[in-house]
Structures are given as C-alpha cells and as structure tokens.
Amino acid sequence: MLNRQIAATALSAFLLCAAQALLVSPAIGQSAADTVTKYDKDNDKTLDLNEVKAAAAAHFDKLNKDSDSTLETKEVKGVIGPREFKAADTDHDGTISKDEYLALVEKLFKRADTNHDGTLSAAELKTKSGQALKRLID
C-alpha cells in the first residue's frame, strides 16, 4: 500500500513539473495557429515567405550562442537533425551560415505550402514539413 502511495505521489509531482515546464516555455506547446498569429505581420491569418524568413533570421541569431556567423551542430540540437544539417551545409564546412539556414527555411516553406498559394495556413504548419519549418522559426 505504501509503495502505491509513493508511486502516486511521484507521478503527481512529475505531471505537475511537466505542466509547469509547458507554462514556462510556451513555444514547446505552441500550436500552429499560435505560431501564425505570432509572426503574421500583415494580419491575413497566414504566413508568407518574408514573414517566415524574418522569424527564421531572428531564430538563427538566438540559436547562435557563440555569436559567430554560423551555427554548429551543438547549437541546433533538437532543431535540425544530423541528416538535415549535412544537407543544409551546402559549402560542406561543417557549419550552417545564415544564408544556408534561410535556404533550408525556403525549401521547407515550399514543401509545406501544399496549395501553392505562397502562404502558409495553420493547417499547413501542421504537416511534417510545416512542423520542421516551425522548429526553424520558433
């Protein structure tokens, strides 16, 4: 009986900590609709490539902890996987420049734009490519 109470208490504490983590770091639990609202500068309820690139450029700067001109694999851990990193590193120098990062953003934007209208809706951000793009801007 005591072991069950301890397990229940531990589970409750874990769930409380997880819920608090989501409150402290809203980007983790941020919905696609919230992302659109956050970066939609012209208030048309979609994101165009310029809005996405502006958000991505700011995110690049935030990821760039050592403030040099490139991102190393350790700086993008959890944002870009090893295979995607290698593909984005078009000059094969082991880092991703801002231009390479934005080229990846544009590639994912085009993939996520399933209706080819030049904008992304919240529904398009929920696709696999849209989710990968969301990690690069948020």
N, C-alpha and C. Protein backbone atom coordinates (compact mmCIF):
# COMPACT_ATOMS: atom_id res chain seq x y z
N MET A 1 0.82 -1.19 0.00
CA MET A 1 0.00 0.00 0.00
C MET A 1 0.87 1.26 0.00
N LEU A 2 1.91 1.26 0.83
CA LEU A 2 2.79 2.41 0.92
C LEU A 2 3.50 2.66 -0.41
N ASN A 3 3.92 1.58 -1.09
CA ASN A 3 4.60 1.73 -2.38
C ASN A 3 3.68 2.38 -3.41
N ARG A 4 2.38 2.05 -3.37
CA ARG A 4 1.43 2.66 -4.30
C ARG A 4 1.26 4.14 -4.02
N GLN A 5 1.25 4.51 -2.75
CA GLN A 5 1.13 5.93 -2.39
C GLN A 5 2.36 6.71 -2.83
N ILE A 6 3.52 6.11 -2.67
CA ILE A 6 4.76 6.76 -3.08
C ILE A 6 4.77 6.92 -4.60
N ALA A 7 4.37 5.88 -5.32
CA ALA A 7 4.33 5.94 -6.78
C ALA A 7 3.32 6.99 -7.25
N ALA A 8 2.17 7.06 -6.61
CA ALA A 8 1.16 8.05 -6.98
C ALA A 8 1.66 9.46 -6.71
N THR A 9 2.33 9.66 -5.60
CA THR A 9 2.88 10.97 -5.26
C THR A 9 3.97 11.37 -6.27
N ALA A 10 4.82 10.42 -6.61
CA ALA A 10 5.88 10.70 -7.57
C ALA A 10 5.30 11.05 -8.94
N LEU A 11 4.28 10.30 -9.35
CA LEU A 11 3.63 10.58 -10.62
C LEU A 11 2.98 11.96 -10.63
N SER A 12 2.32 12.30 -9.54
CA SER A 12 1.70 13.62 -9.44
C SER A 12 2.74 14.73 -9.52
N ALA A 13 3.85 14.55 -8.86
CA ALA A 13 4.91 15.55 -8.89
C ALA A 13 5.48 15.69 -10.30
N PHE A 14 5.67 14.56 -10.96
CA PHE A 14 6.17 14.59 -12.34
C PHE A 14 5.21 15.34 -13.25
N LEU A 15 3.94 15.04 -13.18
CA LEU A 15 2.94 15.69 -14.02
C LEU A 15 2.87 17.19 -13.74
N LEU A 16 2.98 17.58 -12.49
CA LEU A 16 2.97 18.99 -12.14
C LEU A 16 4.18 19.70 -12.73
N CYS A 17 5.36 19.08 -12.64
CA CYS A 17 6.57 19.68 -13.22
C CYS A 17 6.46 19.79 -14.73
N ALA A 18 5.91 18.77 -15.38
CA ALA A 18 5.75 18.81 -16.83
C ALA A 18 4.80 19.93 -17.23
N ALA A 19 3.71 20.09 -16.50
CA ALA A 19 2.75 21.16 -16.80
C ALA A 19 3.40 22.53 -16.61
N GLN A 20 4.19 22.69 -15.57
CA GLN A 20 4.87 23.96 -15.33
C GLN A 20 5.89 24.25 -16.41
N ALA A 21 6.57 23.22 -16.91
CA ALA A 21 7.55 23.42 -17.98
C ALA A 21 6.87 23.96 -19.23
N LEU A 22 5.68 23.48 -19.51
CA LEU A 22 4.95 23.99 -20.67
C LEU A 22 4.55 25.44 -20.48
N LEU A 23 4.24 25.81 -19.26
CA LEU A 23 3.87 27.20 -18.99
C LEU A 23 5.08 28.13 -19.10
N VAL A 24 6.23 27.65 -18.65
CA VAL A 24 7.44 28.46 -18.68
C VAL A 24 7.97 28.58 -20.11
N SER A 25 7.83 27.53 -20.91
CA SER A 25 8.35 27.53 -22.27
C SER A 25 7.21 27.32 -23.25
N PRO A 26 6.44 28.36 -23.57
CA PRO A 26 5.25 28.22 -24.39
C PRO A 26 5.53 27.74 -25.80
N ALA A 27 6.72 27.96 -26.34
CA ALA A 27 7.00 27.53 -27.71
C ALA A 27 6.90 26.02 -27.84
N ILE A 28 7.20 25.29 -26.76
CA ILE A 28 7.12 23.83 -26.80
C ILE A 28 5.70 23.39 -27.10
N GLY A 29 4.75 23.98 -26.43
CA GLY A 29 3.37 23.58 -26.61
C GLY A 29 2.59 24.50 -27.54
N GLN A 30 3.26 25.41 -28.18
CA GLN A 30 2.59 26.40 -29.02
C GLN A 30 1.96 25.73 -30.23
N SER A 31 0.71 26.03 -30.48
CA SER A 31 0.01 25.45 -31.62
C SER A 31 0.42 26.14 -32.91
N ALA A 32 0.07 25.49 -34.02
CA ALA A 32 0.34 26.08 -35.33
C ALA A 32 -0.40 27.42 -35.47
N ALA A 33 -1.62 27.48 -34.97
CA ALA A 33 -2.39 28.73 -35.04
C ALA A 33 -1.70 29.84 -34.25
N ASP A 34 -1.14 29.49 -33.09
CA ASP A 34 -0.41 30.48 -32.29
C ASP A 34 0.83 30.98 -33.03
N THR A 35 1.50 30.07 -33.73
CA THR A 35 2.68 30.45 -34.50
C THR A 35 2.31 31.42 -35.61
N VAL A 36 1.21 31.13 -36.31
CA VAL A 36 0.76 32.04 -37.36
C VAL A 36 0.47 33.41 -36.77
N THR A 37 -0.28 33.44 -35.68
CA THR A 37 -0.63 34.71 -35.04
C THR A 37 0.62 35.48 -34.62
N LYS A 38 1.59 34.78 -34.09
CA LYS A 38 2.81 35.41 -33.58
C LYS A 38 3.62 36.12 -34.68
N TYR A 39 3.68 35.52 -35.88
CA TYR A 39 4.55 36.05 -36.93
C TYR A 39 3.80 36.70 -38.09
N ASP A 40 2.50 36.72 -38.06
CA ASP A 40 1.67 37.26 -39.13
C ASP A 40 1.62 38.79 -39.04
N LYS A 41 2.57 39.45 -39.68
CA LYS A 41 2.69 40.91 -39.58
C LYS A 41 1.60 41.66 -40.34
N ASP A 42 1.05 41.07 -41.40
CA ASP A 42 0.02 41.76 -42.17
C ASP A 42 -1.41 41.34 -41.79
N ASN A 43 -1.50 40.53 -40.74
CA ASN A 43 -2.80 40.12 -40.17
C ASN A 43 -3.75 39.46 -41.17
N ASP A 44 -3.20 38.66 -42.08
CA ASP A 44 -4.06 37.95 -43.03
C ASP A 44 -4.31 36.49 -42.62
N LYS A 45 -3.88 36.13 -41.41
CA LYS A 45 -4.07 34.80 -40.83
C LYS A 45 -3.29 33.71 -41.56
N THR A 46 -2.25 34.13 -42.30
CA THR A 46 -1.32 33.21 -42.94
C THR A 46 0.09 33.79 -42.81
N LEU A 47 1.07 32.97 -43.12
CA LEU A 47 2.46 33.42 -43.13
C LEU A 47 2.98 33.37 -44.56
N ASP A 48 3.54 34.48 -45.03
CA ASP A 48 4.19 34.45 -46.33
C ASP A 48 5.69 34.21 -46.12
N LEU A 49 6.40 34.02 -47.20
CA LEU A 49 7.82 33.69 -47.11
C LEU A 49 8.62 34.78 -46.40
N ASN A 50 8.30 36.04 -46.64
CA ASN A 50 9.03 37.13 -45.98
C ASN A 50 8.83 37.11 -44.47
N GLU A 51 7.61 36.84 -44.02
CA GLU A 51 7.34 36.76 -42.58
C GLU A 51 8.08 35.58 -41.96
N VAL A 52 8.11 34.47 -42.67
CA VAL A 52 8.79 33.28 -42.17
C VAL A 52 10.30 33.51 -42.13
N LYS A 53 10.84 34.11 -43.17
CA LYS A 53 12.29 34.36 -43.20
C LYS A 53 12.71 35.35 -42.11
N ALA A 54 11.89 36.34 -41.84
CA ALA A 54 12.21 37.30 -40.77
C ALA A 54 12.24 36.58 -39.42
N ALA A 55 11.26 35.71 -39.19
CA ALA A 55 11.23 34.94 -37.94
C ALA A 55 12.42 33.99 -37.87
N ALA A 56 12.75 33.36 -39.00
CA ALA A 56 13.86 32.41 -39.03
C ALA A 56 15.20 33.11 -38.80
N ALA A 57 15.37 34.29 -39.36
CA ALA A 57 16.62 35.04 -39.16
C ALA A 57 16.79 35.39 -37.68
N ALA A 58 15.71 35.78 -37.03
CA ALA A 58 15.77 36.09 -35.60
C ALA A 58 16.07 34.82 -34.79
N HIS A 59 15.48 33.71 -35.21
CA HIS A 59 15.73 32.44 -34.50
C HIS A 59 17.18 32.00 -34.71
N PHE A 60 17.71 32.18 -35.89
CA PHE A 60 19.13 31.88 -36.16
C PHE A 60 20.00 32.63 -35.16
N ASP A 61 19.74 33.92 -35.00
CA ASP A 61 20.53 34.74 -34.08
C ASP A 61 20.41 34.24 -32.65
N LYS A 62 19.23 33.81 -32.28
CA LYS A 62 19.01 33.29 -30.92
C LYS A 62 19.76 31.97 -30.71
N LEU A 63 19.76 31.11 -31.74
CA LEU A 63 20.46 29.83 -31.65
C LEU A 63 21.97 30.00 -31.63
N ASN A 64 22.46 31.07 -32.23
CA ASN A 64 23.89 31.31 -32.41
C ASN A 64 24.53 31.79 -31.09
N LYS A 65 24.68 30.86 -30.18
CA LYS A 65 25.13 31.19 -28.82
C LYS A 65 26.52 31.81 -28.78
N ASP A 66 27.40 31.40 -29.70
CA ASP A 66 28.76 31.95 -29.68
C ASP A 66 28.90 33.21 -30.53
N SER A 67 27.80 33.69 -31.07
CA SER A 67 27.75 34.95 -31.82
C SER A 67 28.73 35.04 -32.98
N ASP A 68 29.06 33.89 -33.56
CA ASP A 68 29.85 33.95 -34.79
C ASP A 68 28.87 33.99 -35.97
N SER A 69 29.32 33.77 -37.16
CA SER A 69 28.43 33.91 -38.31
C SER A 69 27.78 32.61 -38.75
N THR A 70 28.01 31.54 -37.98
CA THR A 70 27.48 30.24 -38.37
C THR A 70 26.93 29.48 -37.17
N LEU A 71 26.16 28.44 -37.49
CA LEU A 71 25.66 27.52 -36.47
C LEU A 71 26.39 26.20 -36.57
N GLU A 72 26.81 25.70 -35.42
CA GLU A 72 27.43 24.39 -35.35
C GLU A 72 26.36 23.38 -34.92
N THR A 73 26.66 22.11 -35.06
CA THR A 73 25.67 21.07 -34.74
C THR A 73 25.16 21.19 -33.31
N LYS A 74 26.03 21.53 -32.37
CA LYS A 74 25.60 21.63 -30.96
C LYS A 74 24.59 22.76 -30.77
N GLU A 75 24.66 23.79 -31.59
CA GLU A 75 23.75 24.94 -31.45
C GLU A 75 22.35 24.65 -32.01
N VAL A 76 22.25 23.66 -32.88
CA VAL A 76 20.94 23.36 -33.48
C VAL A 76 20.38 22.01 -33.03
N LYS A 77 20.97 21.45 -32.00
CA LYS A 77 20.48 20.17 -31.48
C LYS A 77 19.01 20.30 -31.11
N GLY A 78 18.18 19.39 -31.61
CA GLY A 78 16.75 19.43 -31.36
C GLY A 78 15.99 20.31 -32.33
N VAL A 79 16.71 21.04 -33.17
CA VAL A 79 16.08 21.92 -34.16
C VAL A 79 16.28 21.34 -35.55
N ILE A 80 17.51 20.95 -35.85
CA ILE A 80 17.86 20.35 -37.14
C ILE A 80 18.57 19.04 -36.85
N GLY A 81 18.09 17.97 -37.46
CA GLY A 81 18.72 16.67 -37.30
C GLY A 81 20.03 16.57 -38.08
N PRO A 82 20.84 15.57 -37.77
CA PRO A 82 22.16 15.43 -38.43
C PRO A 82 22.07 15.33 -39.96
N ARG A 83 21.12 14.59 -40.47
CA ARG A 83 20.99 14.44 -41.92
C ARG A 83 20.58 15.76 -42.57
N GLU A 84 19.63 16.47 -41.95
CA GLU A 84 19.18 17.76 -42.46
C GLU A 84 20.31 18.79 -42.38
N PHE A 85 21.09 18.71 -41.29
CA PHE A 85 22.21 19.62 -41.12
C PHE A 85 23.20 19.44 -42.26
N LYS A 86 23.54 18.20 -42.54
CA LYS A 86 24.50 17.91 -43.61
C LYS A 86 23.99 18.40 -44.96
N ALA A 87 22.70 18.21 -45.22
CA ALA A 87 22.12 18.66 -46.48
C ALA A 87 22.09 20.19 -46.57
N ALA A 88 21.84 20.85 -45.45
CA ALA A 88 21.78 22.32 -45.44
C ALA A 88 23.17 22.94 -45.57
N ASP A 89 24.19 22.22 -45.16
CA ASP A 89 25.57 22.71 -45.21
C ASP A 89 26.11 22.57 -46.64
N THR A 90 25.66 23.45 -47.51
CA THR A 90 25.96 23.30 -48.94
C THR A 90 27.43 23.57 -49.29
N ASP A 91 28.15 24.30 -48.46
CA ASP A 91 29.58 24.52 -48.73
C ASP A 91 30.46 23.50 -48.00
N HIS A 92 29.82 22.58 -47.28
CA HIS A 92 30.50 21.44 -46.63
C HIS A 92 31.62 21.86 -45.69
N ASP A 93 31.37 22.94 -44.92
CA ASP A 93 32.38 23.39 -43.96
C ASP A 93 32.07 22.96 -42.53
N GLY A 94 31.01 22.16 -42.36
CA GLY A 94 30.66 21.67 -41.03
C GLY A 94 29.83 22.63 -40.21
N THR A 95 29.41 23.73 -40.81
CA THR A 95 28.57 24.71 -40.13
C THR A 95 27.47 25.16 -41.10
N ILE A 96 26.47 25.84 -40.55
CA ILE A 96 25.40 26.41 -41.38
C ILE A 96 25.43 27.92 -41.21
N SER A 97 25.62 28.61 -42.34
CA SER A 97 25.58 30.07 -42.34
C SER A 97 24.11 30.51 -42.31
N LYS A 98 23.91 31.80 -42.10
CA LYS A 98 22.53 32.31 -42.12
C LYS A 98 21.90 32.12 -43.50
N ASP A 99 22.67 32.30 -44.56
CA ASP A 99 22.14 32.08 -45.91
C ASP A 99 21.73 30.62 -46.11
N GLU A 100 22.55 29.70 -45.63
CA GLU A 100 22.21 28.27 -45.75
C GLU A 100 20.97 27.95 -44.92
N TYR A 101 20.88 28.54 -43.74
CA TYR A 101 19.73 28.34 -42.86
C TYR A 101 18.46 28.85 -43.54
N LEU A 102 18.53 30.04 -44.12
CA LEU A 102 17.36 30.61 -44.78
C LEU A 102 17.00 29.85 -46.06
N ALA A 103 17.98 29.26 -46.72
CA ALA A 103 17.69 28.41 -47.89
C ALA A 103 16.92 27.17 -47.45
N LEU A 104 17.29 26.60 -46.31
CA LEU A 104 16.54 25.47 -45.76
C LEU A 104 15.13 25.89 -45.39
N VAL A 105 14.99 27.05 -44.80
CA VAL A 105 13.68 27.59 -44.44
C VAL A 105 12.82 27.72 -45.70
N GLU A 106 13.37 28.27 -46.76
CA GLU A 106 12.61 28.45 -48.00
C GLU A 106 12.20 27.09 -48.60
N LYS A 107 13.09 26.14 -48.55
CA LYS A 107 12.79 24.80 -49.06
C LYS A 107 11.62 24.17 -48.29
N LEU A 108 11.67 24.27 -46.97
CA LEU A 108 10.60 23.71 -46.14
C LEU A 108 9.30 24.49 -46.32
N PHE A 109 9.40 25.80 -46.50
CA PHE A 109 8.22 26.62 -46.75
C PHE A 109 7.51 26.13 -48.02
N LYS A 110 8.26 25.93 -49.08
CA LYS A 110 7.67 25.48 -50.34
C LYS A 110 7.04 24.10 -50.21
N ARG A 111 7.67 23.22 -49.45
CA ARG A 111 7.09 21.89 -49.22
C ARG A 111 5.81 21.98 -48.40
N ALA A 112 5.80 22.85 -47.41
CA ALA A 112 4.62 22.97 -46.53
C ALA A 112 3.46 23.68 -47.23
N ASP A 113 3.75 24.48 -48.23
CA ASP A 113 2.72 25.23 -48.96
C ASP A 113 2.01 24.28 -49.94
N THR A 114 1.17 23.43 -49.38
CA THR A 114 0.56 22.35 -50.17
C THR A 114 -0.41 22.84 -51.24
N ASN A 115 -1.02 24.00 -51.06
CA ASN A 115 -1.93 24.52 -52.09
C ASN A 115 -1.23 25.51 -53.02
N HIS A 116 0.07 25.72 -52.81
CA HIS A 116 0.91 26.55 -53.69
C HIS A 116 0.39 27.97 -53.88
N ASP A 117 -0.13 28.55 -52.79
CA ASP A 117 -0.64 29.93 -52.88
C ASP A 117 0.37 30.96 -52.35
N GLY A 118 1.55 30.50 -51.95
CA GLY A 118 2.58 31.42 -51.48
C GLY A 118 2.45 31.82 -50.02
N THR A 119 1.51 31.21 -49.32
CA THR A 119 1.33 31.47 -47.89
C THR A 119 1.10 30.15 -47.17
N LEU A 120 1.32 30.18 -45.86
CA LEU A 120 1.07 29.01 -45.03
C LEU A 120 -0.04 29.30 -44.04
N SER A 121 -1.01 28.42 -44.02
CA SER A 121 -2.08 28.48 -43.03
C SER A 121 -1.65 27.65 -41.82
N ALA A 122 -2.42 27.73 -40.76
CA ALA A 122 -2.15 26.91 -39.57
C ALA A 122 -2.21 25.43 -39.94
N ALA A 123 -3.15 25.05 -40.80
CA ALA A 123 -3.27 23.65 -41.22
C ALA A 123 -2.00 23.19 -41.95
N GLU A 124 -1.44 24.05 -42.78
CA GLU A 124 -0.21 23.68 -43.50
C GLU A 124 0.98 23.58 -42.55
N LEU A 125 0.98 24.37 -41.47
CA LEU A 125 2.06 24.27 -40.48
C LEU A 125 1.98 22.97 -39.68
N LYS A 126 0.85 22.30 -39.72
CA LYS A 126 0.70 21.02 -39.01
C LYS A 126 1.26 19.85 -39.79
N THR A 127 1.59 20.04 -41.07
CA THR A 127 2.16 18.96 -41.87
C THR A 127 3.57 18.66 -41.37
N LYS A 128 4.14 17.55 -41.84
CA LYS A 128 5.50 17.19 -41.44
C LYS A 128 6.50 18.30 -41.81
N SER A 129 6.40 18.80 -43.03
CA SER A 129 7.29 19.89 -43.45
C SER A 129 7.01 21.16 -42.67
N GLY A 130 5.74 21.42 -42.38
CA GLY A 130 5.35 22.58 -41.60
C GLY A 130 5.91 22.53 -40.18
N GLN A 131 5.89 21.35 -39.58
CA GLN A 131 6.44 21.20 -38.23
C GLN A 131 7.95 21.39 -38.23
N ALA A 132 8.63 20.86 -39.27
CA ALA A 132 10.08 21.06 -39.38
C ALA A 132 10.38 22.55 -39.55
N LEU A 133 9.59 23.23 -40.35
CA LEU A 133 9.75 24.67 -40.53
C LEU A 133 9.51 25.43 -39.23
N LYS A 134 8.49 25.04 -38.52
CA LYS A 134 8.14 25.70 -37.25
C LYS A 134 9.32 25.65 -36.27
N ARG A 135 10.06 24.54 -36.26
CA ARG A 135 11.23 24.44 -35.38
C ARG A 135 12.31 25.45 -35.77
N LEU A 136 12.36 25.81 -37.05
CA LEU A 136 13.39 26.74 -37.52
C LEU A 136 13.04 28.20 -37.27
N ILE A 137 11.78 28.47 -36.98
CA ILE A 137 11.38 29.86 -36.77
C ILE A 137 11.00 30.16 -35.34
N ASP A 138 10.73 29.15 -34.56
CA ASP A 138 10.18 29.37 -33.23
C ASP A 138 11.03 28.75 -32.15
